[in-house]
Amino acid sequence: MESNVKISFIDADSPVNLKMQKITIKGTTYYYMDYDKSTYEIIKNLKKALVTSYEDGREKFEAKDAKFVNLDEALNKKVIAIELEGEK
């Protein structure tokens, strides 16, 4: 099931907030958005993320590592996709 979430990269020089889709594939949760080169260039070296759900505002956790993954083939389009490690 897909859902909209807000991903904030909190180790950026200035706030970077992205609206991403949450998707679970084979038991692993990923977050993705349509590919945008300028956005990717800004966030590609950032690691620390804060996730807040748009649906009800209750799902909120900090992730220590945002690992970029390739979901292009699975989603049949070019996307920016991350898998978050260290959810708490």
Protein backbone atom coordinates (compact mmCIF):
# COMPACT_ATOMS: atom_id res chain seq x y z
CA MET A 1 0.00 0.00 0.00
CA GLU A 2 1.33 3.41 -0.97
CA SER A 3 1.00 6.50 1.17
CA ASN A 4 2.33 10.05 1.12
CA VAL A 5 4.96 10.98 3.68
CA LYS A 6 7.07 14.01 4.37
CA ILE A 7 10.81 13.36 4.51
CA SER A 8 12.94 16.08 6.08
CA PHE A 9 16.70 15.84 5.75
CA ILE A 10 17.94 17.33 8.99
CA ASP A 11 21.67 17.29 8.26
CA ALA A 12 21.29 19.76 5.38
CA ASP A 13 22.71 23.29 5.48
CA SER A 14 19.17 24.54 5.05
CA PRO A 15 15.96 22.51 5.45
CA VAL A 16 15.18 20.04 2.69
CA ASN A 17 11.61 18.78 2.82
CA LEU A 18 10.34 16.30 0.26
CA LYS A 19 6.92 14.77 -0.25
CA MET A 20 7.53 11.13 -1.05
CA GLN A 21 5.52 7.97 -1.52
CA LYS A 22 5.94 5.11 0.95
CA ILE A 23 5.88 1.63 -0.55
CA THR A 24 6.65 -1.83 0.80
CA ILE A 25 8.22 -4.38 -1.53
CA LYS A 26 8.93 -7.90 -0.26
CA GLY A 27 8.69 -6.77 3.36
CA THR A 28 11.06 -3.80 2.98
CA THR A 29 9.80 -0.21 3.18
CA TYR A 30 11.06 2.37 0.72
CA TYR A 31 10.31 6.03 0.07
CA TYR A 32 10.35 7.44 -3.45
CA MET A 33 9.49 10.43 -5.61
CA ASP A 34 9.65 11.19 -9.30
CA TYR A 35 13.24 11.77 -10.36
CA ASP A 36 14.44 15.34 -10.39
CA LYS A 37 18.14 15.89 -11.06
CA SER A 38 18.43 19.13 -9.07
CA THR A 39 16.73 17.57 -6.04
CA TYR A 40 18.95 14.51 -6.24
CA GLU A 41 22.08 16.66 -6.40
CA ILE A 42 21.00 18.46 -3.22
CA ILE A 43 20.17 15.36 -1.17
CA LYS A 44 22.52 12.67 -2.49
CA ASN A 45 25.08 13.13 0.31
CA LEU A 46 22.60 13.62 3.14
CA LYS A 47 22.11 10.80 5.62
CA LYS A 48 19.97 11.90 8.55
CA ALA A 49 16.25 12.00 7.87
CA LEU A 50 13.08 12.71 9.80
CA VAL A 51 9.88 11.10 8.54
CA THR A 52 6.38 12.34 9.28
CA SER A 53 3.23 10.77 7.87
CA TYR A 54 0.86 13.02 5.95
CA GLU A 55 -2.14 10.79 6.62
CA ASP A 56 -2.61 11.28 10.31
CA GLY A 57 0.52 13.01 11.57
CA ARG A 58 1.16 10.28 14.12
CA GLU A 59 3.82 8.25 12.34
CA LYS A 60 7.07 10.06 13.05
CA PHE A 61 10.57 8.70 13.39
CA GLU A 62 14.15 9.73 12.89
CA ALA A 63 16.36 7.66 10.64
CA LYS A 64 20.11 7.68 10.95
CA ASP A 65 20.94 6.59 7.42
CA ALA A 66 19.13 7.24 4.17
CA LYS A 67 20.49 4.74 1.66
CA PHE A 68 19.71 5.44 -1.98
CA VAL A 69 18.36 2.44 -3.87
CA ASN A 70 17.33 1.76 -7.44
CA LEU A 71 13.59 1.08 -7.75
CA ASP A 72 13.32 2.22 -11.39
CA GLU A 73 12.68 -1.27 -12.69
CA ALA A 74 10.21 -2.20 -9.95
CA LEU A 75 8.17 0.99 -10.47
CA ASN A 76 8.61 1.21 -14.26
CA LYS A 77 9.85 4.80 -14.08
CA LYS A 78 12.90 6.78 -12.98
CA VAL A 79 12.62 7.74 -9.31
CA ILE A 80 14.64 8.97 -6.37
CA ALA A 81 14.28 6.16 -3.83
CA ILE A 82 15.65 5.65 -0.34
CA GLU A 83 15.63 2.91 2.25
CA LEU A 84 15.91 4.23 5.78
CA GLU A 85 18.09 2.51 8.36
CA GLY A 86 17.87 3.04 12.09
CA GLU A 87 14.17 3.88 12.39
CA LYS A 88 13.22 4.72 15.95
